[in-house]
């Protein structure tokens, strides 16, 4: 079963106390990157195991260790604490943990966005989001599922105050939905597919209805990247080498990723089908340069502030600045802690890596 990402809101409270100068990095030769199991992040496992990362690192005279961690939240915590130079995470989590904790981070690679991997299932035929008014909805609170629900309610003319949220562990999603008292669940694949396949249920909303809003990233420490551009070049080169294999439907690569994510090839391919992977650097480049990205991140910032995820010092949804290519900034331009870069993507497009 592929483990989906979820955010731990309270971790940012302790990280906000850190002196961020502790994370400053001089030019160096050895780097550590971490990732956790999820359909869109399995390429990191393959790239490490097959020597692709090592090959690209050698090209630039550096070494890169890519480590799988078992706990997603802990991987972000360790990155934020400076134990890793980079980490795979969703855009929501990049904002509310390292950025809100004072660690300036850069989204080096925008790998994909959820295009149906997340959804809301309601018991009963032909149910719609408006039918949730006055009802209880189970979900992993403060996760991307929570964000998805907030956006679904917004489109239906409702708010979170119109229903009751019940927190549930991601490991208990399927079991909880099987009980009579649970009528609606916001979750992600593979649990989403399992629930939607049950008789007399309705998949009332999915991330395909908010395309480009739940984004999967490889985030690196901004100071480290600035002082060591070779890290950005090597990681970007390795990533798109694997993407080329996936685009070509390389069976060996896909079977490896399925097996090492703990699922079958068919199941893995089903999850990939609802993961909008950017197989070519030009597609990822276009995404980070699109004028829609700042609008998306403003929505994420608003959700985060409304749910108390930006920390006790945040007085508004604009407390944290987010920078995009061409110098566009949303939020506080004097407190930029999250950045989207097109530098290395452009190099990949131009064949200069």
C-alpha atoms as a PDB file:
ATOM      1  CA  UNK A   1       0.000   0.000   0.000  1.00  0.00           C
ATOM      2  CA  UNK A   2       1.383   3.375  -0.956  1.00  0.00           C
ATOM      3  CA  UNK A   3       1.621   5.779   1.953  1.00  0.00           C
ATOM      4  CA  UNK A   4       0.211   9.235   1.220  1.00  0.00           C
ATOM      5  CA  UNK A   5       1.610  12.444   2.566  1.00  0.00           C
ATOM      6  CA  UNK A   6       0.045  14.262   5.493  1.00  0.00           C
ATOM      7  CA  UNK A   7       1.020  17.326   7.478  1.00  0.00           C
ATOM      8  CA  UNK A   8       1.769  17.539  11.200  1.00  0.00           C
ATOM      9  CA  UNK A   9       0.701  21.047  12.120  1.00  0.00           C
ATOM     10  CA  UNK A  10       2.214  21.253  15.579  1.00  0.00           C
ATOM     11  CA  UNK A  11       5.757  20.502  14.470  1.00  0.00           C
ATOM     12  CA  UNK A  12       6.159  23.989  13.098  1.00  0.00           C
ATOM     13  CA  UNK A  13       5.731  25.461  16.567  1.00  0.00           C
ATOM     14  CA  UNK A  14       9.007  24.041  17.792  1.00  0.00           C
ATOM     15  CA  UNK A  15      10.882  24.679  14.551  1.00  0.00           C
ATOM     16  CA  UNK A  16       9.879  28.345  14.618  1.00  0.00           C
ATOM     17  CA  UNK A  17      12.117  28.656  17.682  1.00  0.00           C
ATOM     18  CA  UNK A  18      15.226  27.568  15.775  1.00  0.00           C
ATOM     19  CA  UNK A  19      17.869  30.085  14.765  1.00  0.00           C
ATOM     20  CA  UNK A  20      17.734  29.665  11.000  1.00  0.00           C
ATOM     21  CA  UNK A  21      21.377  30.658  10.627  1.00  0.00           C
ATOM     22  CA  UNK A  22      22.123  27.176  11.913  1.00  0.00           C
ATOM     23  CA  UNK A  23      21.051  25.873   8.526  1.00  0.00           C
ATOM     24  CA  UNK A  24      23.492  27.976   6.521  1.00  0.00           C
ATOM     25  CA  UNK A  25      25.611  25.760   4.338  1.00  0.00           C
ATOM     26  CA  UNK A  26      28.999  26.438   2.859  1.00  0.00           C
ATOM     27  CA  UNK A  27      29.993  24.940  -0.466  1.00  0.00           C
ATOM     28  CA  UNK A  28      30.392  21.202   0.023  1.00  0.00           C
ATOM     29  CA  UNK A  29      30.694  17.914  -1.821  1.00  0.00           C
ATOM     30  CA  UNK A  30      28.394  15.511   0.040  1.00  0.00           C
ATOM     31  CA  UNK A  31      24.623  15.821   0.221  1.00  0.00           C
ATOM     32  CA  UNK A  32      21.735  13.917   1.762  1.00  0.00           C
ATOM     33  CA  UNK A  33      18.228  13.741   0.299  1.00  0.00           C
ATOM     34  CA  UNK A  34      15.248  11.915   1.795  1.00  0.00           C
ATOM     35  CA  UNK A  35      11.938  10.662   0.451  1.00  0.00           C
ATOM     36  CA  UNK A  36       8.980   8.513   1.528  1.00  0.00           C
ATOM     37  CA  UNK A  37       6.866   6.014  -0.359  1.00  0.00           C
ATOM     38  CA  UNK A  38       4.258   7.521  -2.665  1.00  0.00           C
ATOM     39  CA  UNK A  39       3.479   6.815  -6.320  1.00  0.00           C
ATOM     40  CA  UNK A  40       5.002  10.057  -7.560  1.00  0.00           C
ATOM     41  CA  UNK A  41       8.172   9.718  -5.489  1.00  0.00           C
ATOM     42  CA  UNK A  42       9.162   6.152  -6.347  1.00  0.00           C
ATOM     43  CA  UNK A  43      11.463   7.445  -9.124  1.00  0.00           C
ATOM     44  CA  UNK A  44      13.879   8.572  -6.388  1.00  0.00           C
ATOM     45  CA  UNK A  45      14.159   4.981  -5.181  1.00  0.00           C
ATOM     46  CA  UNK A  46      14.819   3.700  -8.688  1.00  0.00           C
ATOM     47  CA  UNK A  47      17.326   6.469  -9.455  1.00  0.00           C
ATOM     48  CA  UNK A  48      19.277   5.671  -6.304  1.00  0.00           C
ATOM     49  CA  UNK A  49      19.185   1.876  -6.675  1.00  0.00           C
ATOM     50  CA  UNK A  50      20.178   1.876 -10.350  1.00  0.00           C
ATOM     51  CA  UNK A  51      23.069   4.297  -9.982  1.00  0.00           C
ATOM     52  CA  UNK A  52      21.380   7.134 -11.874  1.00  0.00           C
ATOM     53  CA  UNK A  53      21.790   9.594  -8.999  1.00  0.00           C
ATOM     54  CA  UNK A  54      25.403   8.498  -8.531  1.00  0.00           C
ATOM     55  CA  UNK A  55      26.117   8.998 -12.237  1.00  0.00           C
ATOM     56  CA  UNK A  56      24.766  12.544 -12.261  1.00  0.00           C
ATOM     57  CA  UNK A  57      26.454  13.401  -8.975  1.00  0.00           C
ATOM     58  CA  UNK A  58      29.802  12.164 -10.320  1.00  0.00           C
ATOM     59  CA  UNK A  59      29.370  14.389 -13.363  1.00  0.00           C
ATOM     60  CA  UNK A  60      29.452  17.402 -11.045  1.00  0.00           C
ATOM     61  CA  UNK A  61      32.095  16.092  -8.672  1.00  0.00           C
ATOM     62  CA  UNK A  62      29.785  15.517  -5.729  1.00  0.00           C
ATOM     63  CA  UNK A  63      28.117  12.621  -3.922  1.00  0.00           C
ATOM     64  CA  UNK A  64      24.419  12.388  -3.113  1.00  0.00           C
ATOM     65  CA  UNK A  65      22.886   9.889  -0.723  1.00  0.00           C
ATOM     66  CA  UNK A  66      19.166   9.319  -1.242  1.00  0.00           C
ATOM     67  CA  UNK A  67      17.502   7.829   1.835  1.00  0.00           C
ATOM     68  CA  UNK A  68      14.017   6.388   2.198  1.00  0.00           C
ATOM     69  CA  UNK A  69      12.369   7.212   5.528  1.00  0.00           C
ATOM     70  CA  UNK A  70       9.329   5.297   6.731  1.00  0.00           C
ATOM     71  CA  UNK A  71       7.434   8.236   8.221  1.00  0.00           C
ATOM     72  CA  UNK A  72       6.465  11.136   5.997  1.00  0.00           C
ATOM     73  CA  UNK A  73       5.974  13.678   8.766  1.00  0.00           C
ATOM     74  CA  UNK A  74       9.288  12.709  10.327  1.00  0.00           C
ATOM     75  CA  UNK A  75      11.071  13.131   7.000  1.00  0.00           C
ATOM     76  CA  UNK A  76       9.898  16.746   6.817  1.00  0.00           C
ATOM     77  CA  UNK A  77      10.809  17.303  10.458  1.00  0.00           C
ATOM     78  CA  UNK A  78      14.334  16.005   9.871  1.00  0.00           C
ATOM     79  CA  UNK A  79      14.741  18.138   6.751  1.00  0.00           C
ATOM     80  CA  UNK A  80      13.524  21.191   8.663  1.00  0.00           C
ATOM     81  CA  UNK A  81      16.007  20.430  11.441  1.00  0.00           C
ATOM     82  CA  UNK A  82      18.831  20.444   8.891  1.00  0.00           C
ATOM     83  CA  UNK A  83      19.524  16.712   8.869  1.00  0.00           C
ATOM     84  CA  UNK A  84      18.823  16.501   5.137  1.00  0.00           C
ATOM     85  CA  UNK A  85      19.576  18.906   2.307  1.00  0.00           C
ATOM     86  CA  UNK A  86      16.372  18.035   0.479  1.00  0.00           C
ATOM     87  CA  UNK A  87      13.124  16.150   0.984  1.00  0.00           C
ATOM     88  CA  UNK A  88      10.075  15.106  -1.026  1.00  0.00           C
ATOM     89  CA  UNK A  89       6.869  16.785   0.171  1.00  0.00           C
ATOM     90  CA  UNK A  90       3.589  18.320  -0.942  1.00  0.00           C
ATOM     91  CA  UNK A  91       3.200  22.067  -1.441  1.00  0.00           C
ATOM     92  CA  UNK A  92       0.923  22.414   1.596  1.00  0.00           C
ATOM     93  CA  UNK A  93       3.475  20.723   3.841  1.00  0.00           C
ATOM     94  CA  UNK A  94       6.368  22.741   2.416  1.00  0.00           C
ATOM     95  CA  UNK A  95       4.527  25.871   3.514  1.00  0.00           C
ATOM     96  CA  UNK A  96       3.334  24.857   6.969  1.00  0.00           C
ATOM     97  CA  UNK A  97       6.421  23.027   8.269  1.00  0.00           C
ATOM     98  CA  UNK A  98       9.808  24.256   6.952  1.00  0.00           C
ATOM     99  CA  UNK A  99       8.613  27.633   5.630  1.00  0.00           C
ATOM    100  CA  UNK A 100       6.437  28.414   8.653  1.00  0.00           C
ATOM    101  CA  UNK A 101       9.279  27.136  10.836  1.00  0.00           C
ATOM    102  CA  UNK A 102      11.653  29.721   9.398  1.00  0.00           C
ATOM    103  CA  UNK A 103      13.627  27.503   7.027  1.00  0.00           C
ATOM    104  CA  UNK A 104      14.027  29.094   3.591  1.00  0.00           C
ATOM    105  CA  UNK A 105      13.303  26.315   1.085  1.00  0.00           C
ATOM    106  CA  UNK A 106      13.190  25.966  -2.691  1.00  0.00           C
ATOM    107  CA  UNK A 107      10.936  23.707  -4.730  1.00  0.00           C
ATOM    108  CA  UNK A 108      13.672  22.451  -7.033  1.00  0.00           C
ATOM    109  CA  UNK A 109      11.551  19.916  -8.916  1.00  0.00           C
ATOM    110  CA  UNK A 110       7.785  20.070  -9.354  1.00  0.00           C
ATOM    111  CA  UNK A 111       7.219  16.417 -10.158  1.00  0.00           C
ATOM    112  CA  UNK A 112       3.466  16.129 -10.462  1.00  0.00           C
ATOM    113  CA  UNK A 113       0.079  17.148  -9.162  1.00  0.00           C
ATOM    114  CA  UNK A 114      -2.775  15.013  -7.932  1.00  0.00           C
ATOM    115  CA  UNK A 115      -5.312  14.537 -10.705  1.00  0.00           C
ATOM    116  CA  UNK A 116      -7.755  12.186  -9.034  1.00  0.00           C
ATOM    117  CA  UNK A 117      -5.517  10.579  -6.406  1.00  0.00           C
ATOM    118  CA  UNK A 118      -7.460  12.400  -3.677  1.00  0.00           C
ATOM    119  CA  UNK A 119     -11.217  12.386  -3.237  1.00  0.00           C
ATOM    120  CA  UNK A 120     -14.337  12.399  -1.086  1.00  0.00           C
ATOM    121  CA  UNK A 121     -16.565   9.328  -0.888  1.00  0.00           C
ATOM    122  CA  UNK A 122     -20.096   9.468   0.544  1.00  0.00           C
ATOM    123  CA  UNK A 123     -22.299   6.505   1.340  1.00  0.00           C
ATOM    124  CA  UNK A 124     -25.419   6.403  -0.811  1.00  0.00           C
ATOM    125  CA  UNK A 125     -26.129   6.711  -4.515  1.00  0.00           C
ATOM    126  CA  UNK A 126     -25.791   9.980  -6.422  1.00  0.00           C
ATOM    127  CA  UNK A 127     -24.565  11.942  -3.403  1.00  0.00           C
ATOM    128  CA  UNK A 128     -23.076  15.397  -3.852  1.00  0.00           C
ATOM    129  CA  UNK A 129     -20.936  17.658  -1.691  1.00  0.00           C
ATOM    130  CA  UNK A 130     -23.974  19.756  -0.780  1.00  0.00           C
ATOM    131  CA  UNK A 131     -25.384  16.661   0.906  1.00  0.00           C
ATOM    132  CA  UNK A 132     -22.648  16.907   3.543  1.00  0.00           C
ATOM    133  CA  UNK A 133     -24.301  19.875   5.251  1.00  0.00           C
ATOM    134  CA  UNK A 134     -24.926  18.997   8.878  1.00  0.00           C
ATOM    135  CA  UNK A 135     -23.056  15.690   8.517  1.00  0.00           C
ATOM    136  CA  UNK A 136     -19.770  14.331   9.882  1.00  0.00           C
ATOM    137  CA  UNK A 137     -16.831  13.854   7.547  1.00  0.00           C
ATOM    138  CA  UNK A 138     -13.890  11.667   8.532  1.00  0.00           C
ATOM    139  CA  UNK A 139     -10.397  12.537   7.304  1.00  0.00           C
ATOM    140  CA  UNK A 140      -6.774  13.004   8.296  1.00  0.00           C
ATOM    141  CA  UNK A 141      -7.085  16.502   9.701  1.00  0.00           C
ATOM    142  CA  UNK A 142      -4.750  19.235   8.376  1.00  0.00           C
ATOM    143  CA  UNK A 143      -3.717  16.999   5.496  1.00  0.00           C
ATOM    144  CA  UNK A 144      -4.105  17.424   1.758  1.00  0.00           C
ATOM    145  CA  UNK A 145      -7.454  15.651   2.217  1.00  0.00           C
ATOM    146  CA  UNK A 146      -8.492  18.446   4.553  1.00  0.00           C
ATOM    147  CA  UNK A 147      -7.478  21.002   1.935  1.00  0.00           C
ATOM    148  CA  UNK A 148      -9.386  19.059  -0.733  1.00  0.00           C
ATOM    149  CA  UNK A 149     -12.521  19.063   1.422  1.00  0.00           C
ATOM    150  CA  UNK A 150     -12.230  22.807   2.034  1.00  0.00           C
ATOM    151  CA  UNK A 151     -12.029  23.452  -1.708  1.00  0.00           C
ATOM    152  CA  UNK A 152     -14.945  21.113  -2.413  1.00  0.00           C
ATOM    153  CA  UNK A 153     -17.083  22.876   0.169  1.00  0.00           C
ATOM    154  CA  UNK A 154     -16.143  26.249  -1.282  1.00  0.00           C
ATOM    155  CA  UNK A 155     -17.320  25.176  -4.731  1.00  0.00           C
ATOM    156  CA  UNK A 156     -20.572  23.879  -3.232  1.00  0.00           C
ATOM    157  CA  UNK A 157     -21.237  27.118  -1.356  1.00  0.00           C
ATOM    158  CA  UNK A 158     -20.537  25.588   2.057  1.00  0.00           C
ATOM    159  CA  UNK A 159     -17.851  26.046   4.724  1.00  0.00           C
ATOM    160  CA  UNK A 160     -16.245  23.807   7.318  1.00  0.00           C
ATOM    161  CA  UNK A 161     -18.682  25.257   9.861  1.00  0.00           C
ATOM    162  CA  UNK A 162     -21.524  23.562   7.982  1.00  0.00           C
ATOM    163  CA  UNK A 163     -20.336  20.108   9.021  1.00  0.00           C
ATOM    164  CA  UNK A 164     -18.351  18.251  11.655  1.00  0.00           C
ATOM    165  CA  UNK A 165     -14.798  17.083  10.991  1.00  0.00           C
ATOM    166  CA  UNK A 166     -13.668  13.850  12.617  1.00  0.00           C
ATOM    167  CA  UNK A 167      -9.951  13.065  12.627  1.00  0.00           C
ATOM    168  CA  UNK A 168      -8.892   9.552  11.643  1.00  0.00           C
ATOM    169  CA  UNK A 169      -5.511   7.930  11.092  1.00  0.00           C
ATOM    170  CA  UNK A 170      -4.648   7.200   7.469  1.00  0.00           C
ATOM    171  CA  UNK A 171      -4.107   3.570   8.486  1.00  0.00           C
ATOM    172  CA  UNK A 172      -7.708   3.365   9.755  1.00  0.00           C
ATOM    173  CA  UNK A 173      -9.514   4.927   6.799  1.00  0.00           C
ATOM    174  CA  UNK A 174     -10.890   1.726   5.259  1.00  0.00           C
ATOM    175  CA  UNK A 175     -11.831   0.151   8.583  1.00  0.00           C
ATOM    176  CA  UNK A 176     -13.589   3.306   9.765  1.00  0.00           C
ATOM    177  CA  UNK A 177     -15.608   3.620   6.566  1.00  0.00           C
ATOM    178  CA  UNK A 178     -16.906   0.065   7.041  1.00  0.00           C
ATOM    179  CA  UNK A 179     -18.672   1.068  10.273  1.00  0.00           C
ATOM    180  CA  UNK A 180     -22.299   2.255  10.061  1.00  0.00           C
ATOM    181  CA  UNK A 181     -21.588   5.542  11.830  1.00  0.00           C
ATOM    182  CA  UNK A 182     -19.151   6.799   9.188  1.00  0.00           C
ATOM    183  CA  UNK A 183     -21.029   8.311   6.262  1.00  0.00           C
ATOM    184  CA  UNK A 184     -18.342  10.256   4.418  1.00  0.00           C
ATOM    185  CA  UNK A 185     -14.573  10.060   4.050  1.00  0.00           C
ATOM    186  CA  UNK A 186     -11.977  12.328   2.434  1.00  0.00           C
ATOM    187  CA  UNK A 187      -8.892  10.305   1.549  1.00  0.00           C
ATOM    188  CA  UNK A 188      -6.311   9.381  -1.092  1.00  0.00           C
ATOM    189  CA  UNK A 189      -5.302   6.388  -3.197  1.00  0.00           C
ATOM    190  CA  UNK A 190      -5.179   3.479  -2.807  1.00  0.00           C
ATOM    191  CA  UNK A 191      -7.791   3.828  -0.037  1.00  0.00           C
ATOM    192  CA  UNK A 192      -9.884   6.121  -2.223  1.00  0.00           C
ATOM    193  CA  UNK A 193     -10.243   3.516  -4.963  1.00  0.00           C
ATOM    194  CA  UNK A 194     -11.097   0.850  -2.400  1.00  0.00           C
ATOM    195  CA  UNK A 195     -13.873   2.915  -0.841  1.00  0.00           C
ATOM    196  CA  UNK A 196     -15.272   4.117  -4.173  1.00  0.00           C
ATOM    197  CA  UNK A 197     -15.523   0.495  -5.366  1.00  0.00           C
ATOM    198  CA  UNK A 198     -17.884  -0.407  -2.531  1.00  0.00           C
ATOM    199  CA  UNK A 199     -21.578  -0.759  -3.444  1.00  0.00           C
ATOM    200  CA  UNK A 200     -23.947   2.144  -2.803  1.00  0.00           C
ATOM    201  CA  UNK A 201     -21.246   4.818  -2.561  1.00  0.00           C
ATOM    202  CA  UNK A 202     -20.623   8.055  -4.441  1.00  0.00           C
ATOM    203  CA  UNK A 203     -17.286   9.597  -5.316  1.00  0.00           C
ATOM    204  CA  UNK A 204     -18.557  13.126  -4.845  1.00  0.00           C
ATOM    205  CA  UNK A 205     -15.371  15.085  -5.508  1.00  0.00           C
ATOM    206  CA  UNK A 206     -11.766  14.420  -6.555  1.00  0.00           C
ATOM    207  CA  UNK A 207      -8.584  16.402  -7.021  1.00  0.00           C
ATOM    208  CA  UNK A 208      -9.194  16.279 -10.770  1.00  0.00           C
ATOM    209  CA  UNK A 209     -11.713  19.063 -10.091  1.00  0.00           C
ATOM    210  CA  UNK A 210      -8.978  21.280  -8.644  1.00  0.00           C
ATOM    211  CA  UNK A 211      -6.102  20.368 -10.991  1.00  0.00           C
ATOM    212  CA  UNK A 212      -2.686  21.697 -10.103  1.00  0.00           C
ATOM    213  CA  UNK A 213      -3.488  22.474  -6.460  1.00  0.00           C
ATOM    214  CA  UNK A 214      -2.096  19.420  -4.630  1.00  0.00           C
ATOM    215  CA  UNK A 215       1.493  19.436  -5.858  1.00  0.00           C
ATOM    216  CA  UNK A 216       4.358  17.019  -5.168  1.00  0.00           C
ATOM    217  CA  UNK A 217       7.831  18.523  -4.885  1.00  0.00           C
ATOM    218  CA  UNK A 218      11.487  17.881  -4.211  1.00  0.00           C
ATOM    219  CA  UNK A 219      12.319  20.667  -1.782  1.00  0.00           C
ATOM    220  CA  UNK A 220      15.895  21.682  -0.975  1.00  0.00           C
ATOM    221  CA  UNK A 221      17.397  24.151   1.459  1.00  0.00           C
ATOM    222  CA  UNK A 222      17.679  27.465  -0.382  1.00  0.00           C
ATOM    223  CA  UNK A 223      21.056  28.460   1.075  1.00  0.00           C
ATOM    224  CA  UNK A 224      22.506  25.042   0.266  1.00  0.00           C
ATOM    225  CA  UNK A 225      21.257  25.273  -3.321  1.00  0.00           C
ATOM    226  CA  UNK A 226      22.605  28.776  -3.811  1.00  0.00           C
ATOM    227  CA  UNK A 227      26.061  27.782  -2.644  1.00  0.00           C
ATOM    228  CA  UNK A 228      25.971  24.417  -4.419  1.00  0.00           C
ATOM    229  CA  UNK A 229      24.244  24.686  -7.794  1.00  0.00           C
ATOM    230  CA  UNK A 230      25.786  21.336  -8.685  1.00  0.00           C
ATOM    231  CA  UNK A 231      23.246  19.713  -6.349  1.00  0.00           C
ATOM    232  CA  UNK A 232      20.361  21.222  -8.307  1.00  0.00           C
ATOM    233  CA  UNK A 233      21.844  20.157 -11.625  1.00  0.00           C
ATOM    234  CA  UNK A 234      22.508  16.574 -10.535  1.00  0.00           C
ATOM    235  CA  UNK A 235      19.099  16.027  -8.938  1.00  0.00           C
ATOM    236  CA  UNK A 236      17.254  17.530 -11.889  1.00  0.00           C
ATOM    237  CA  UNK A 237      19.233  15.477 -14.379  1.00  0.00           C
ATOM    238  CA  UNK A 238      18.675  12.234 -12.485  1.00  0.00           C
ATOM    239  CA  UNK A 239      14.955  12.889 -12.066  1.00  0.00           C
ATOM    240  CA  UNK A 240      14.244  13.485 -15.722  1.00  0.00           C
ATOM    241  CA  UNK A 241      16.322  10.501 -16.778  1.00  0.00           C
ATOM    242  CA  UNK A 242      13.891   8.336 -14.814  1.00  0.00           C
ATOM    243  CA  UNK A 243      10.924  10.302 -16.140  1.00  0.00           C
ATOM    244  CA  UNK A 244      12.037   9.437 -19.683  1.00  0.00           C
ATOM    245  CA  UNK A 245      11.965   5.748 -18.763  1.00  0.00           C
ATOM    246  CA  UNK A 246       8.500   6.061 -17.256  1.00  0.00           C
ATOM    247  CA  UNK A 247       7.201   7.950 -20.280  1.00  0.00           C
ATOM    248  CA  UNK A 248       8.507   5.127 -22.472  1.00  0.00           C
ATOM    249  CA  UNK A 249       6.707   2.658 -20.164  1.00  0.00           C
ATOM    250  CA  UNK A 250       9.961   0.887 -19.368  1.00  0.00           C
ATOM    251  CA  UNK A 251       8.681  -2.335 -17.814  1.00  0.00           C
ATOM    252  CA  UNK A 252      11.716  -3.025 -15.687  1.00  0.00           C
ATOM    253  CA  UNK A 253      11.613   0.446 -14.115  1.00  0.00           C
ATOM    254  CA  UNK A 254       7.866   0.361 -13.480  1.00  0.00           C
ATOM    255  CA  UNK A 255       7.961  -3.134 -12.015  1.00  0.00           C
ATOM    256  CA  UNK A 256      10.765  -2.073  -9.706  1.00  0.00           C
ATOM    257  CA  UNK A 257       8.794   0.939  -8.470  1.00  0.00           C
ATOM    258  CA  UNK A 258       5.639  -1.115  -7.965  1.00  0.00           C
ATOM    259  CA  UNK A 259       7.444  -3.853  -6.047  1.00  0.00           C
ATOM    260  CA  UNK A 260       9.377  -1.494  -3.817  1.00  0.00           C
ATOM    261  CA  UNK A 261       6.273   0.527  -3.014  1.00  0.00           C
ATOM    262  CA  UNK A 262       4.657  -2.673  -1.777  1.00  0.00           C
ATOM    263  CA  UNK A 263       2.037  -3.095  -4.465  1.00  0.00           C
ATOM    264  CA  UNK A 264       1.372  -4.767  -7.806  1.00  0.00           C
ATOM    265  CA  UNK A 265       2.241  -3.305 -11.172  1.00  0.00           C
ATOM    266  CA  UNK A 266      -1.457  -2.932 -12.018  1.00  0.00           C
ATOM    267  CA  UNK A 267      -2.131  -1.082  -8.767  1.00  0.00           C
ATOM    268  CA  UNK A 268       0.881   1.153  -9.235  1.00  0.00           C
ATOM    269  CA  UNK A 269      -0.126   2.011 -12.792  1.00  0.00           C
ATOM    270  CA  UNK A 270      -3.650   2.832 -11.602  1.00  0.00           C
ATOM    271  CA  UNK A 271      -2.197   5.322  -9.129  1.00  0.00           C
ATOM    272  CA  UNK A 272       0.112   6.772 -11.768  1.00  0.00           C
ATOM    273  CA  UNK A 273      -2.931   7.286 -14.012  1.00  0.00           C
ATOM    274  CA  UNK A 274      -4.361   9.743 -11.467  1.00  0.00           C
ATOM    275  CA  UNK A 275      -0.986  11.370 -10.821  1.00  0.00           C
ATOM    276  CA  UNK A 276      -0.233  14.064 -13.386  1.00  0.00           C
ATOM    277  CA  UNK A 277       3.498  13.424 -13.690  1.00  0.00           C
ATOM    278  CA  UNK A 278       5.571  15.927 -15.640  1.00  0.00           C
ATOM    279  CA  UNK A 279       7.525  13.466 -17.765  1.00  0.00           C
ATOM    280  CA  UNK A 280       9.413  16.190 -19.602  1.00  0.00           C
ATOM    281  CA  UNK A 281      11.191  19.222 -18.099  1.00  0.00           C
ATOM    282  CA  UNK A 282       9.325  21.546 -20.470  1.00  0.00           C
ATOM    283  CA  UNK A 283       6.019  20.540 -18.871  1.00  0.00           C
ATOM    284  CA  UNK A 284       7.293  21.195 -15.359  1.00  0.00           C
ATOM    285  CA  UNK A 285       8.835  24.470 -16.517  1.00  0.00           C
ATOM    286  CA  UNK A 286       5.528  25.623 -17.978  1.00  0.00           C
ATOM    287  CA  UNK A 287       3.770  24.733 -14.722  1.00  0.00           C
ATOM    288  CA  UNK A 288       6.061  26.770 -12.455  1.00  0.00           C
ATOM    289  CA  UNK A 289       5.890  29.737 -14.829  1.00  0.00           C
ATOM    290  CA  UNK A 290       2.121  29.613 -15.182  1.00  0.00           C
ATOM    291  CA  UNK A 291       0.326  32.611 -13.679  1.00  0.00           C
ATOM    292  CA  UNK A 292      -2.047  30.159 -12.003  1.00  0.00           C
ATOM    293  CA  UNK A 293       0.604  28.900  -9.555  1.00  0.00           C
ATOM    294  CA  UNK A 294       0.650  32.057  -7.377  1.00  0.00           C
ATOM    295  CA  UNK A 295      -3.151  31.906  -7.220  1.00  0.00           C
ATOM    296  CA  UNK A 296      -3.004  28.273  -6.120  1.00  0.00           C
ATOM    297  CA  UNK A 297      -0.467  29.014  -3.409  1.00  0.00           C
ATOM    298  CA  UNK A 298      -2.565  31.917  -2.160  1.00  0.00           C
ATOM    299  CA  UNK A 299      -5.418  29.439  -1.687  1.00  0.00           C
ATOM    300  CA  UNK A 300      -3.053  27.105   0.187  1.00  0.00           C
ATOM    301  CA  UNK A 301      -1.862  30.007   2.351  1.00  0.00           C
ATOM    302  CA  UNK A 302      -5.429  31.015   3.168  1.00  0.00           C
ATOM    303  CA  UNK A 303      -6.389  27.464   4.110  1.00  0.00           C
ATOM    304  CA  UNK A 304      -3.267  27.156   6.267  1.00  0.00           C
ATOM    305  CA  UNK A 305      -3.910  30.404   8.117  1.00  0.00           C
ATOM    306  CA  UNK A 306      -7.599  29.679   8.669  1.00  0.00           C
ATOM    307  CA  UNK A 307      -6.661  26.365  10.276  1.00  0.00           C
ATOM    308  CA  UNK A 308      -3.855  27.774  12.428  1.00  0.00           C
ATOM    309  CA  UNK A 309      -1.039  26.119  10.496  1.00  0.00           C
ATOM    310  CA  UNK A 310       1.192  29.138   9.890  1.00  0.00           C
ATOM    311  CA  UNK A 311       2.282  29.431  13.513  1.00  0.00           C
ATOM    312  CA  UNK A 312       1.295  31.674  16.436  1.00  0.00           C
ATOM    313  CA  UNK A 313       3.079  34.716  15.039  1.00  0.00           C
ATOM    314  CA  UNK A 314       1.105  34.732  11.773  1.00  0.00           C
ATOM    315  CA  UNK A 315      -1.420  37.561  11.730  1.00  0.00           C
ATOM    316  CA  UNK A 316      -2.736  36.874   8.243  1.00  0.00           C
ATOM    317  CA  UNK A 317      -2.546  34.455   5.332  1.00  0.00           C
ATOM    318  CA  UNK A 318       0.177  36.674   3.838  1.00  0.00           C
ATOM    319  CA  UNK A 319       2.595  36.177   6.745  1.00  0.00           C
ATOM    320  CA  UNK A 320       4.949  34.011   4.697  1.00  0.00           C
ATOM    321  CA  UNK A 321       6.329  35.175   1.372  1.00  0.00           C
ATOM    322  CA  UNK A 322       6.398  32.775  -1.575  1.00  0.00           C
ATOM    323  CA  UNK A 323       8.582  33.585  -4.581  1.00  0.00           C
ATOM    324  CA  UNK A 324       8.020  32.405  -8.152  1.00  0.00           C
ATOM    325  CA  UNK A 325      10.057  32.676 -11.359  1.00  0.00           C
ATOM    326  CA  UNK A 326      10.527  36.176 -12.768  1.00  0.00           C
ATOM    327  CA  UNK A 327      10.518  37.656  -9.265  1.00  0.00           C
ATOM    328  CA  UNK A 328       6.786  37.405  -8.597  1.00  0.00           C
ATOM    329  CA  UNK A 329       6.045  37.219  -4.856  1.00  0.00           C
ATOM    330  CA  UNK A 330       2.853  36.499  -2.947  1.00  0.00           C
ATOM    331  CA  UNK A 331       2.638  37.157   0.775  1.00  0.00           C
ATOM    332  CA  UNK A 332       5.247  39.059   2.767  1.00  0.00           C
ATOM    333  CA  UNK A 333       8.126  40.000   0.474  1.00  0.00           C
ATOM    334  CA  UNK A 334      10.287  40.615   3.570  1.00  0.00           C
ATOM    335  CA  UNK A 335       9.725  37.084   4.843  1.00  0.00           C
ATOM    336  CA  UNK A 336      10.185  34.848   1.801  1.00  0.00           C
ATOM    337  CA  UNK A 337      10.573  31.260   2.992  1.00  0.00           C
ATOM    338  CA  UNK A 338       9.329  29.213   0.040  1.00  0.00           C
ATOM    339  CA  UNK A 339      10.523  29.579  -3.546  1.00  0.00           C
ATOM    340  CA  UNK A 340       9.697  27.994  -6.884  1.00  0.00           C
ATOM    341  CA  UNK A 341      12.654  28.060  -9.265  1.00  0.00           C
ATOM    342  CA  UNK A 342      12.847  27.580 -13.022  1.00  0.00           C
ATOM    343  CA  UNK A 343      16.643  27.780 -13.274  1.00  0.00           C
ATOM    344  CA  UNK A 344      17.408  24.074 -13.404  1.00  0.00           C
ATOM    345  CA  UNK A 345      14.306  23.181 -15.380  1.00  0.00           C
ATOM    346  CA  UNK A 346      15.361  25.663 -18.051  1.00  0.00           C
ATOM    347  CA  UNK A 347      18.807  24.066 -18.146  1.00  0.00           C
ATOM    348  CA  UNK A 348      17.170  20.655 -18.626  1.00  0.00           C
ATOM    349  CA  UNK A 349      15.002  21.994 -21.440  1.00  0.00           C
ATOM    350  CA  UNK A 350      18.043  23.558 -23.120  1.00  0.00           C
ATOM    351  CA  UNK A 351      20.068  20.364 -22.781  1.00  0.00           C
ATOM    352  CA  UNK A 352      22.655  22.125 -20.621  1.00  0.00           C
ATOM    353  CA  UNK A 353      22.682  19.777 -17.648  1.00  0.00           C
END
